[in-house]
Amino acid sequence: MSVDPLPFDPIGEARRLWEAHGWGGTAPGMAAVTSIMRAQQLLLKRIDEQLRGLGLTFARYEVLMLLHFSRRGSLPMSVIGSRLQVHPTSVTSAVDRLERQGLVRRVAHPTDGRARLAELTDAGRDLALEATARLNATVFADPGLADDEVEQLIDVLRALRERAGDF
């Protein structure tokens, strides 16, 4: 379902109202956080439009690509969670769905009898590459900003992530 654009900037209006209610000191922060959240929604919508036809969500795509980039095409479930910075339950859910799709299989860890590895199948590798080609052509090549703005955004968000203890 497509939504018609508003005739005004709702975040700018929220900022104005924030200030009008006496919260001027926090209005810039509110506008920044709300802008980031809205930008995430807009980008995720574009990504979902590309992945939906492939039977993927962005979360499952991230798992496929993480496995694709790994040396052996497999990783322990705990490493997947750590690298993607998601809860173990989310990793289990994503791997369960990918396994049902025949894109990933669980295999025994070669040295840790208690651990299981998620291993990329040939079909998973093929689909990951197809999804990447779609995303490269439609979203990553044009995220909606000029090249210099993209670099500035990366720098600003890196500083935010670093200060938040992301890495």
Protein backbone atom coordinates (compact mmCIF):
# COMPACT_ATOMS: atom_id res chain seq x y z
CA MET A 1 0.00 0.00 0.00
CA SER A 2 1.45 3.33 -1.09
CA VAL A 3 0.98 6.38 1.09
CA ASP A 4 0.66 9.87 -0.38
CA PRO A 5 3.35 12.26 0.82
CA LEU A 6 2.28 14.86 3.35
CA PRO A 7 2.20 18.52 2.28
CA PHE A 8 4.54 19.36 5.19
CA ASP A 9 7.44 17.84 7.12
CA PRO A 10 5.84 16.08 10.12
CA ILE A 11 9.15 15.93 11.99
CA GLY A 12 9.70 19.65 11.47
CA GLU A 13 6.18 20.23 12.80
CA ALA A 14 6.84 17.94 15.78
CA ARG A 15 10.00 19.94 16.51
CA ARG A 16 8.04 23.20 16.37
CA LEU A 17 5.45 21.78 18.77
CA TRP A 18 8.20 20.42 21.05
CA GLU A 19 9.64 23.91 21.28
CA ALA A 20 6.19 25.48 21.76
CA HIS A 21 5.59 23.18 24.73
CA GLY A 22 8.78 24.33 26.41
CA TRP A 23 11.03 21.43 25.45
CA GLY A 24 13.29 23.49 23.16
CA GLY A 25 16.45 22.10 24.68
CA THR A 26 15.55 18.57 23.61
CA ALA A 27 13.77 19.44 20.34
CA PRO A 28 16.87 18.97 18.14
CA GLY A 29 17.55 15.55 19.71
CA MET A 30 13.92 14.49 19.29
CA ALA A 31 13.98 15.60 15.65
CA ALA A 32 17.28 13.77 15.03
CA VAL A 33 16.12 10.51 16.61
CA THR A 34 12.73 10.65 14.91
CA SER A 35 14.40 11.43 11.56
CA ILE A 36 16.70 8.43 11.89
CA MET A 37 13.77 6.16 12.75
CA ARG A 38 11.72 7.45 9.79
CA ALA A 39 14.69 7.15 7.41
CA GLN A 40 15.12 3.53 8.57
CA GLN A 41 11.45 2.86 7.76
CA LEU A 42 11.80 4.40 4.28
CA LEU A 43 14.93 2.42 3.46
CA LEU A 44 13.51 -0.81 4.84
CA LYS A 45 10.43 -0.35 2.65
CA ARG A 46 12.64 -0.04 -0.44
CA ILE A 47 14.66 -3.09 0.60
CA ASP A 48 11.55 -5.15 1.36
CA GLU A 49 10.16 -4.35 -2.10
CA GLN A 50 13.24 -6.00 -3.61
CA LEU A 51 13.49 -8.98 -1.26
CA ARG A 52 9.81 -9.91 -0.88
CA GLY A 53 9.66 -11.59 -4.30
CA LEU A 54 12.65 -13.71 -3.33
CA GLY A 55 11.00 -14.89 -0.11
CA LEU A 56 13.47 -12.98 2.06
CA THR A 57 13.37 -10.35 4.76
CA PHE A 58 16.31 -8.06 5.38
CA ALA A 59 17.14 -9.98 8.56
CA ARG A 60 17.35 -13.28 6.66
CA TYR A 61 19.29 -11.61 3.85
CA GLU A 62 21.83 -10.41 6.42
CA VAL A 63 22.28 -13.98 7.68
CA LEU A 64 22.80 -15.27 4.14
CA MET A 65 25.38 -12.58 3.39
CA LEU A 66 27.21 -13.14 6.67
CA LEU A 67 27.49 -16.84 5.81
CA HIS A 68 28.47 -15.99 2.22
CA PHE A 69 31.34 -13.80 3.45
CA SER A 70 32.57 -16.34 6.00
CA ARG A 71 35.61 -18.41 5.02
CA ARG A 72 33.82 -21.77 5.13
CA GLY A 73 30.26 -20.66 4.38
CA SER A 74 29.26 -21.62 7.90
CA LEU A 75 29.29 -20.06 11.34
CA PRO A 76 28.17 -20.98 14.84
CA MET A 77 24.75 -19.58 15.69
CA SER A 78 26.28 -17.55 18.55
CA VAL A 79 28.72 -15.86 16.14
CA ILE A 80 25.87 -14.94 13.80
CA GLY A 81 24.03 -13.29 16.68
CA SER A 82 27.14 -11.47 17.82
CA ARG A 83 28.07 -10.19 14.37
CA LEU A 84 24.53 -9.08 13.54
CA GLN A 85 24.01 -7.85 17.11
CA VAL A 86 20.68 -9.60 17.53
CA HIS A 87 19.21 -11.80 20.24
CA PRO A 88 19.83 -15.58 19.95
CA THR A 89 16.07 -16.12 19.54
CA SER A 90 16.10 -13.89 16.45
CA VAL A 91 19.01 -15.86 14.99
CA THR A 92 17.23 -19.16 15.63
CA SER A 93 14.06 -17.85 14.00
CA ALA A 94 15.90 -16.56 10.92
CA VAL A 95 17.93 -19.77 10.52
CA ASP A 96 14.78 -21.89 11.00
CA ARG A 97 13.08 -20.05 8.13
CA LEU A 98 16.15 -20.18 5.92
CA GLU A 99 16.49 -23.89 6.63
CA ARG A 100 12.84 -24.49 5.66
CA GLN A 101 13.56 -22.65 2.42
CA GLY A 102 16.57 -24.90 1.73
CA LEU A 103 18.95 -21.93 1.88
CA VAL A 104 20.80 -22.93 5.07
CA ARG A 105 21.34 -26.21 6.88
CA ARG A 106 22.41 -26.91 10.42
CA VAL A 107 25.50 -29.08 10.77
CA ALA A 108 27.54 -30.35 13.70
CA HIS A 109 30.41 -28.18 14.83
CA PRO A 110 33.67 -30.00 14.00
CA THR A 111 35.26 -29.38 17.42
CA ASP A 112 32.44 -28.45 19.81
CA GLY A 113 29.93 -31.25 20.25
CA ARG A 114 27.41 -28.91 21.87
CA ALA A 115 27.40 -26.29 19.10
CA ARG A 116 25.69 -26.30 15.74
CA LEU A 117 26.75 -24.38 12.67
CA ALA A 118 24.49 -22.69 10.17
CA GLU A 119 25.86 -23.56 6.75
CA LEU A 120 24.96 -21.87 3.49
CA THR A 121 23.63 -24.19 0.78
CA ASP A 122 24.31 -23.67 -2.92
CA ALA A 123 20.73 -22.43 -3.29
CA GLY A 124 21.32 -20.01 -0.40
CA ARG A 125 24.48 -18.67 -2.03
CA ASP A 126 22.70 -18.22 -5.36
CA LEU A 127 19.78 -16.42 -3.74
CA ALA A 128 22.08 -14.21 -1.65
CA LEU A 129 23.88 -13.12 -4.81
CA GLU A 130 20.61 -12.51 -6.67
CA ALA A 131 19.27 -10.45 -3.77
CA THR A 132 22.53 -8.49 -3.61
CA ALA A 133 22.35 -7.72 -7.33
CA ARG A 134 18.81 -6.37 -6.84
CA LEU A 135 19.73 -4.30 -3.80
CA ASN A 136 22.90 -2.97 -5.43
CA ALA A 137 20.95 -1.84 -8.49
CA THR A 138 17.96 -0.32 -6.72
CA VAL A 139 18.85 0.74 -3.18
CA PHE A 140 22.58 0.73 -2.51
CA ALA A 141 23.52 2.49 -5.78
CA ASP A 142 21.06 5.28 -4.94
CA PRO A 143 20.20 5.55 -1.26
CA GLY A 144 18.55 8.92 -1.88
CA LEU A 145 21.51 11.18 -1.15
CA ALA A 146 24.34 12.68 -3.17
CA ASP A 147 27.67 10.86 -2.92
CA ASP A 148 29.21 13.46 -0.57
CA GLU A 149 26.08 13.36 1.62
CA VAL A 150 26.34 9.57 1.82
CA GLU A 151 29.91 9.86 3.10
CA GLN A 152 28.90 12.55 5.61
CA LEU A 153 26.01 10.40 6.83
CA ILE A 154 28.29 7.38 7.25
CA ASP A 155 30.69 9.50 9.33
CA VAL A 156 27.94 10.98 11.52
CA LEU A 157 26.26 7.63 12.14
CA ARG A 158 29.61 5.95 12.82
CA ALA A 159 30.27 8.56 15.53
CA LEU A 160 26.81 7.94 17.00
CA ARG A 161 27.33 4.16 16.96
CA GLU A 162 30.80 4.43 18.46
CA ARG A 163 29.64 6.72 21.28
CA ALA A 164 26.78 4.33 21.98
CA GLY A 165 29.28 1.48 22.44
CA ASP A 166 28.31 -0.34 19.24
CA PHE A 167 31.96 -1.20 18.62
